[in-house]
C-alpha atoms as a PDB file:
ATOM      1  CA  MET A   1     -24.991   0.980  44.693  1.00  0.00           C
ATOM      2  CA  ARG A   2     -23.641  -2.552  44.472  1.00  0.00           C
ATOM      3  CA  LYS A   3     -25.509  -3.159  41.218  1.00  0.00           C
ATOM      4  CA  LEU A   4     -24.014  -0.007  39.694  1.00  0.00           C
ATOM      5  CA  LEU A   5     -20.544  -1.061  40.818  1.00  0.00           C
ATOM      6  CA  ALA A   6     -21.036  -4.584  39.438  1.00  0.00           C
ATOM      7  CA  VAL A   7     -22.276  -3.292  36.073  1.00  0.00           C
ATOM      8  CA  SER A   8     -19.412  -0.795  35.862  1.00  0.00           C
ATOM      9  CA  LEU A   9     -16.879  -3.500  36.674  1.00  0.00           C
ATOM     10  CA  PHE A  10     -18.418  -5.823  34.088  1.00  0.00           C
ATOM     11  CA  LEU A  11     -18.274  -3.134  31.395  1.00  0.00           C
ATOM     12  CA  LEU A  12     -14.681  -2.291  32.270  1.00  0.00           C
ATOM     13  CA  VAL A  13     -13.635  -5.940  32.048  1.00  0.00           C
ATOM     14  CA  ALA A  14     -15.580  -6.363  28.796  1.00  0.00           C
ATOM     15  CA  VAL A  15     -13.853  -3.375  27.200  1.00  0.00           C
ATOM     16  CA  PHE A  16     -10.410  -4.753  28.027  1.00  0.00           C
ATOM     17  CA  ALA A  17     -11.367  -8.291  26.985  1.00  0.00           C
ATOM     18  CA  TRP A  18     -12.699  -7.250  23.563  1.00  0.00           C
ATOM     19  CA  ALA A  19     -10.104  -4.591  22.815  1.00  0.00           C
ATOM     20  CA  GLN A  20      -7.710  -5.446  20.018  1.00  0.00           C
ATOM     21  CA  THR A  21      -4.294  -4.103  19.265  1.00  0.00           C
ATOM     22  CA  PRO A  22      -4.465  -2.018  16.085  1.00  0.00           C
ATOM     23  CA  ASN A  23      -2.858  -3.665  13.060  1.00  0.00           C
ATOM     24  CA  PHE A  24      -1.134  -1.248  10.699  1.00  0.00           C
ATOM     25  CA  ASP A  25       0.404  -3.921   8.454  1.00  0.00           C
ATOM     26  CA  PHE A  26      -0.276  -3.862   4.740  1.00  0.00           C
ATOM     27  CA  PRO A  27      -3.600  -5.583   4.041  1.00  0.00           C
ATOM     28  CA  PHE A  28      -2.018  -7.397   1.091  1.00  0.00           C
ATOM     29  CA  ILE A  29       1.385  -7.820  -0.511  1.00  0.00           C
ATOM     30  CA  LEU A  30       1.978  -6.745  -4.087  1.00  0.00           C
ATOM     31  CA  SER A  31       4.315  -8.959  -6.082  1.00  0.00           C
ATOM     32  CA  ASN A  32       5.667  -8.757  -9.601  1.00  0.00           C
ATOM     33  CA  ALA A  33       5.959 -11.447 -12.268  1.00  0.00           C
ATOM     34  CA  ALA A  34       9.269 -12.707 -10.850  1.00  0.00           C
ATOM     35  CA  GLY A  35       7.572 -13.242  -7.476  1.00  0.00           C
ATOM     36  CA  LEU A  36       9.467 -10.375  -5.893  1.00  0.00           C
ATOM     37  CA  MET A  37       7.525  -8.250  -3.465  1.00  0.00           C
ATOM     38  CA  VAL A  38       6.923  -4.668  -4.515  1.00  0.00           C
ATOM     39  CA  THR A  39       8.624  -2.975  -1.595  1.00  0.00           C
ATOM     40  CA  ALA A  40       8.055   0.537  -0.452  1.00  0.00           C
ATOM     41  CA  ASN A  41       9.021   3.022   2.201  1.00  0.00           C
ATOM     42  CA  VAL A  42       6.295   4.163   4.589  1.00  0.00           C
ATOM     43  CA  TYR A  43       6.320   7.574   2.903  1.00  0.00           C
ATOM     44  CA  ASP A  44       6.093   6.273  -0.664  1.00  0.00           C
ATOM     45  CA  ILE A  45       2.898   7.123  -2.518  1.00  0.00           C
ATOM     46  CA  PRO A  46       1.256   4.407  -4.668  1.00  0.00           C
ATOM     47  CA  SER A  47      -1.192   5.296  -7.414  1.00  0.00           C
ATOM     48  CA  PHE A  48      -3.191   2.909  -9.564  1.00  0.00           C
ATOM     49  CA  GLY A  49      -4.316   3.829 -13.052  1.00  0.00           C
ATOM     50  CA  ASP A  50      -4.424   2.487 -16.582  1.00  0.00           C
ATOM     51  CA  TRP A  51      -1.135   4.132 -17.500  1.00  0.00           C
ATOM     52  CA  ASP A  52      -0.474   2.064 -20.645  1.00  0.00           C
ATOM     53  CA  ASP A  53      -4.079   2.155 -21.925  1.00  0.00           C
ATOM     54  CA  ASP A  54      -4.518  -1.627 -22.026  1.00  0.00           C
ATOM     55  CA  GLY A  55      -7.638  -1.798 -19.840  1.00  0.00           C
ATOM     56  CA  ASP A  56      -6.071  -2.884 -16.525  1.00  0.00           C
ATOM     57  CA  LEU A  57      -4.721  -0.998 -13.520  1.00  0.00           C
ATOM     58  CA  ASP A  58      -0.971  -0.400 -13.441  1.00  0.00           C
ATOM     59  CA  LEU A  59       0.961   0.881 -10.432  1.00  0.00           C
ATOM     60  CA  MET A  60       3.100   3.987 -10.052  1.00  0.00           C
ATOM     61  CA  VAL A  61       4.968   4.656  -6.831  1.00  0.00           C
ATOM     62  CA  GLY A  62       6.444   8.014  -5.875  1.00  0.00           C
ATOM     63  CA  VAL A  63       9.596   7.196  -3.900  1.00  0.00           C
ATOM     64  CA  PHE A  64      10.292   9.449  -0.927  1.00  0.00           C
ATOM     65  CA  PHE A  65      14.028   9.039  -0.391  1.00  0.00           C
ATOM     66  CA  ASN A  66      15.169   9.830  -3.953  1.00  0.00           C
ATOM     67  CA  GLY A  67      12.129  11.475  -5.561  1.00  0.00           C
ATOM     68  CA  ASN A  68      11.946   8.964  -8.423  1.00  0.00           C
ATOM     69  CA  ILE A  69       8.678   7.608  -9.789  1.00  0.00           C
ATOM     70  CA  GLN A  70       8.583   3.850 -10.327  1.00  0.00           C
ATOM     71  CA  TYR A  71       6.189   2.373 -12.922  1.00  0.00           C
ATOM     72  CA  TYR A  72       5.045  -1.253 -12.464  1.00  0.00           C
ATOM     73  CA  PRO A  73       3.058  -2.451 -15.510  1.00  0.00           C
ATOM     74  CA  ASN A  74       0.199  -4.851 -14.823  1.00  0.00           C
ATOM     75  CA  ILE A  75       1.050  -7.840 -17.001  1.00  0.00           C
ATOM     76  CA  SER A  76      -1.801 -10.075 -15.814  1.00  0.00           C
ATOM     77  CA  THR A  77      -4.282 -11.509 -18.281  1.00  0.00           C
ATOM     78  CA  GLY A  78      -6.760 -12.445 -15.546  1.00  0.00           C
ATOM     79  CA  LEU A  79      -8.596 -10.703 -12.746  1.00  0.00           C
ATOM     80  CA  THR A  80      -5.726 -10.871 -10.242  1.00  0.00           C
ATOM     81  CA  PRO A  81      -3.149  -8.133 -10.877  1.00  0.00           C
ATOM     82  CA  GLU A  82       0.428  -9.195 -11.566  1.00  0.00           C
ATOM     83  CA  PHE A  83       3.066  -6.486 -11.806  1.00  0.00           C
ATOM     84  CA  GLY A  84       6.175  -6.609 -13.972  1.00  0.00           C
ATOM     85  CA  PRO A  85       9.554  -5.192 -12.989  1.00  0.00           C
ATOM     86  CA  TYR A  86       9.533  -1.452 -12.462  1.00  0.00           C
ATOM     87  CA  THR A  87      11.057   1.168 -14.690  1.00  0.00           C
ATOM     88  CA  LEU A  88      11.761   4.732 -13.692  1.00  0.00           C
ATOM     89  CA  VAL A  89       9.475   7.288 -15.281  1.00  0.00           C
ATOM     90  CA  GLN A  90      11.408   9.620 -17.587  1.00  0.00           C
ATOM     91  CA  ALA A  91      10.878  12.794 -19.567  1.00  0.00           C
ATOM     92  CA  ASP A  92      13.224  13.470 -22.512  1.00  0.00           C
ATOM     93  CA  GLY A  93      15.450  10.581 -21.395  1.00  0.00           C
ATOM     94  CA  VAL A  94      15.946  11.947 -17.866  1.00  0.00           C
ATOM     95  CA  ASN A  95      14.473  10.355 -14.726  1.00  0.00           C
ATOM     96  CA  ILE A  96      11.667  12.437 -13.278  1.00  0.00           C
ATOM     97  CA  SER A  97      12.576  13.387  -9.726  1.00  0.00           C
ATOM     98  CA  VAL A  98      10.376  15.381  -7.398  1.00  0.00           C
ATOM     99  CA  THR A  99      11.306  16.919  -4.093  1.00  0.00           C
ATOM    100  CA  TYR A 100       9.419  16.812  -0.836  1.00  0.00           C
ATOM    101  CA  GLY A 101       8.491  19.559   1.530  1.00  0.00           C
END
């Protein structure tokens, strides 16, 4: 009985000793050519794709609070992405805005 209690106590202490607080921070920070961080709301939706057909991945972000879609062109010539200033995606000269819900 004492051995079972000792093993149980050891396992309980081990679980608490090795447990880590979850980290929900961004794993990396995106920055544009001016060195400004590409900021986002927690509900914003990023999407990577070759939107300008130049062979690298660009970034589009659907913005929750106003429904706009921001386009960040990848202006890097190397392997590390570098994003230019964003422009709002438009159709016929009008900003595309989507609703939520």
